Every structure is written in structure tokens, then in C-alpha cells.
Amino acid sequence: MSEPIPDKLSELLDAGVRVAIAEAIERHRKLGESISILKDGKIVTLTGDEIPPAKKN
């Protein structure tokens, strides 16, 4: 039987995934590559020019 993952570890993993996704989206924007997103229950493809710049923290 495996031990449950502590909440703190799952929070770290979640944060890492969010950073990786943000970096991938920003890379697509800079290279002018399109991405597909879910908006209002529909799949929408954004061109590189339509992707908003990443927010600086």
C-alpha cells in the first residue's frame, strides 16, 4: 500500500506545472506559434500575435 502524497509536495508539483505551462505559452508567443485553448466551452486557436504577454510577478 502506498503512502498518500503530502499536501505540501502536491502544492510544489502544482506550482512547477503552472510555471512550465506559462513558459511554454510564452515561448509560443515569442516564436509566433499558435496554441489552442478552451474558451466558453469551445476550443479556440490563438495565433502567436493573439497570445497576451506573460505577466511579470
N, C-alpha and C. Protein backbone atom coordinates (compact mmCIF):
# COMPACT_ATOMS: atom_id res chain seq x y z
N MET A 1 0.84 -1.17 0.00
CA MET A 1 0.00 0.00 0.00
C MET A 1 0.89 1.24 0.00
N SER A 2 0.58 2.20 -0.86
CA SER A 2 1.41 3.40 -0.95
C SER A 2 0.93 4.49 0.01
N GLU A 3 1.88 5.29 0.42
CA GLU A 3 1.58 6.40 1.33
C GLU A 3 0.97 7.55 0.53
N PRO A 4 0.02 8.29 1.11
CA PRO A 4 -0.53 9.46 0.40
C PRO A 4 0.54 10.54 0.26
N ILE A 5 0.46 11.28 -0.82
CA ILE A 5 1.40 12.37 -1.06
C ILE A 5 1.04 13.53 -0.14
N PRO A 6 2.01 14.04 0.60
CA PRO A 6 1.71 15.18 1.49
C PRO A 6 1.21 16.38 0.68
N ASP A 7 0.33 17.16 1.29
CA ASP A 7 -0.22 18.33 0.61
C ASP A 7 0.89 19.27 0.13
N LYS A 8 1.90 19.44 0.93
CA LYS A 8 2.97 20.36 0.57
C LYS A 8 3.65 19.94 -0.73
N LEU A 9 3.92 18.62 -0.90
CA LEU A 9 4.54 18.12 -2.12
C LEU A 9 3.64 18.35 -3.32
N SER A 10 2.35 18.08 -3.17
CA SER A 10 1.43 18.28 -4.28
C SER A 10 1.34 19.75 -4.66
N GLU A 11 1.45 20.63 -3.68
CA GLU A 11 1.43 22.07 -3.97
C GLU A 11 2.68 22.47 -4.75
N LEU A 12 3.82 21.89 -4.40
CA LEU A 12 5.06 22.17 -5.13
C LEU A 12 4.97 21.67 -6.57
N LEU A 13 4.42 20.48 -6.74
CA LEU A 13 4.25 19.93 -8.09
C LEU A 13 3.31 20.80 -8.91
N ASP A 14 2.22 21.22 -8.31
CA ASP A 14 1.25 22.07 -9.00
C ASP A 14 1.89 23.39 -9.44
N ALA A 15 2.67 23.98 -8.56
CA ALA A 15 3.35 25.23 -8.89
C ALA A 15 4.33 25.03 -10.04
N GLY A 16 5.05 23.91 -10.01
CA GLY A 16 6.01 23.63 -11.08
C GLY A 16 5.33 23.44 -12.42
N VAL A 17 4.19 22.77 -12.42
CA VAL A 17 3.44 22.56 -13.66
C VAL A 17 2.94 23.90 -14.19
N ARG A 18 2.45 24.76 -13.31
CA ARG A 18 1.95 26.08 -13.73
C ARG A 18 3.07 26.92 -14.37
N VAL A 19 4.27 26.87 -13.78
CA VAL A 19 5.42 27.61 -14.33
C VAL A 19 5.77 27.04 -15.70
N ALA A 20 5.80 25.73 -15.83
CA ALA A 20 6.16 25.11 -17.11
C ALA A 20 5.15 25.48 -18.20
N ILE A 21 3.88 25.48 -17.86
CA ILE A 21 2.84 25.85 -18.84
C ILE A 21 3.00 27.31 -19.25
N ALA A 22 3.22 28.21 -18.29
CA ALA A 22 3.40 29.63 -18.59
C ALA A 22 4.61 29.84 -19.50
N GLU A 23 5.70 29.12 -19.23
CA GLU A 23 6.90 29.25 -20.05
C GLU A 23 6.65 28.74 -21.48
N ALA A 24 5.92 27.64 -21.60
CA ALA A 24 5.61 27.10 -22.93
C ALA A 24 4.73 28.06 -23.73
N ILE A 25 3.74 28.65 -23.07
CA ILE A 25 2.86 29.61 -23.75
C ILE A 25 3.66 30.83 -24.18
N GLU A 26 4.53 31.33 -23.32
CA GLU A 26 5.34 32.50 -23.66
C GLU A 26 6.28 32.18 -24.83
N ARG A 27 6.83 30.99 -24.85
CA ARG A 27 7.71 30.58 -25.95
C ARG A 27 6.92 30.57 -27.27
N HIS A 28 5.70 30.06 -27.24
CA HIS A 28 4.85 30.05 -28.44
C HIS A 28 4.57 31.48 -28.90
N ARG A 29 4.29 32.37 -27.94
CA ARG A 29 4.01 33.77 -28.29
C ARG A 29 5.21 34.40 -28.98
N LYS A 30 6.41 34.22 -28.37
CA LYS A 30 7.62 34.83 -28.92
C LYS A 30 7.98 34.28 -30.29
N LEU A 31 7.71 32.98 -30.52
CA LEU A 31 8.04 32.36 -31.80
C LEU A 31 6.93 32.52 -32.84
N GLY A 32 5.79 33.11 -32.42
CA GLY A 32 4.69 33.31 -33.34
C GLY A 32 3.92 32.04 -33.65
N GLU A 33 4.02 31.05 -32.77
CA GLU A 33 3.33 29.78 -32.97
C GLU A 33 1.96 29.83 -32.31
N SER A 34 0.99 29.14 -32.90
CA SER A 34 -0.36 29.15 -32.35
C SER A 34 -0.50 28.16 -31.20
N ILE A 35 -1.51 28.40 -30.38
CA ILE A 35 -1.89 27.47 -29.31
C ILE A 35 -3.41 27.33 -29.35
N SER A 36 -3.90 26.23 -28.82
CA SER A 36 -5.34 26.03 -28.71
C SER A 36 -5.72 26.04 -27.24
N ILE A 37 -6.82 26.74 -26.94
CA ILE A 37 -7.28 26.86 -25.56
C ILE A 37 -8.77 26.55 -25.52
N LEU A 38 -9.29 26.34 -24.32
CA LEU A 38 -10.72 26.16 -24.12
C LEU A 38 -11.29 27.49 -23.63
N LYS A 39 -12.24 28.03 -24.39
CA LYS A 39 -12.85 29.31 -24.03
C LYS A 39 -14.37 29.19 -24.18
N ASP A 40 -15.08 29.45 -23.10
CA ASP A 40 -16.54 29.35 -23.10
C ASP A 40 -17.01 27.99 -23.61
N GLY A 41 -16.29 26.93 -23.23
CA GLY A 41 -16.68 25.58 -23.59
C GLY A 41 -16.34 25.17 -25.02
N LYS A 42 -15.60 26.02 -25.73
CA LYS A 42 -15.22 25.71 -27.11
C LYS A 42 -13.71 25.81 -27.27
N ILE A 43 -13.19 25.01 -28.18
CA ILE A 43 -11.76 25.07 -28.46
C ILE A 43 -11.50 26.22 -29.42
N VAL A 44 -10.58 27.09 -29.04
CA VAL A 44 -10.23 28.27 -29.83
C VAL A 44 -8.72 28.24 -30.08
N THR A 45 -8.30 28.49 -31.31
CA THR A 45 -6.88 28.55 -31.63
C THR A 45 -6.46 30.01 -31.72
N LEU A 46 -5.43 30.34 -30.95
CA LEU A 46 -4.87 31.69 -30.95
C LEU A 46 -3.56 31.69 -31.74
N THR A 47 -3.39 32.68 -32.59
CA THR A 47 -2.11 32.83 -33.27
C THR A 47 -1.11 33.40 -32.27
N GLY A 48 0.16 33.38 -32.61
CA GLY A 48 1.18 33.93 -31.74
C GLY A 48 0.92 35.39 -31.40
N ASP A 49 0.39 36.14 -32.35
CA ASP A 49 0.10 37.57 -32.12
C ASP A 49 -1.09 37.77 -31.18
N GLU A 50 -1.96 36.79 -31.07
CA GLU A 50 -3.15 36.92 -30.22
C GLU A 50 -2.89 36.48 -28.78
N ILE A 51 -1.75 35.84 -28.51
CA ILE A 51 -1.43 35.39 -27.16
C ILE A 51 -0.95 36.58 -26.35
N PRO A 52 -1.61 36.87 -25.22
CA PRO A 52 -1.17 38.02 -24.42
C PRO A 52 0.18 37.76 -23.78
N PRO A 53 1.01 38.80 -23.60
CA PRO A 53 2.31 38.62 -22.95
C PRO A 53 2.16 38.11 -21.53
N ALA A 54 3.15 37.37 -21.07
CA ALA A 54 3.14 36.84 -19.69
C ALA A 54 3.19 38.00 -18.71
N LYS A 55 2.51 37.83 -17.59
CA LYS A 55 2.54 38.84 -16.53
C LYS A 55 3.82 38.68 -15.74
N LYS A 56 4.43 39.79 -15.39
CA LYS A 56 5.63 39.77 -14.54
C LYS A 56 5.18 39.81 -13.10
N ASN A 57 5.75 38.95 -12.26
CA ASN A 57 5.39 38.94 -10.83
C ASN A 57 6.16 39.94 -10.06
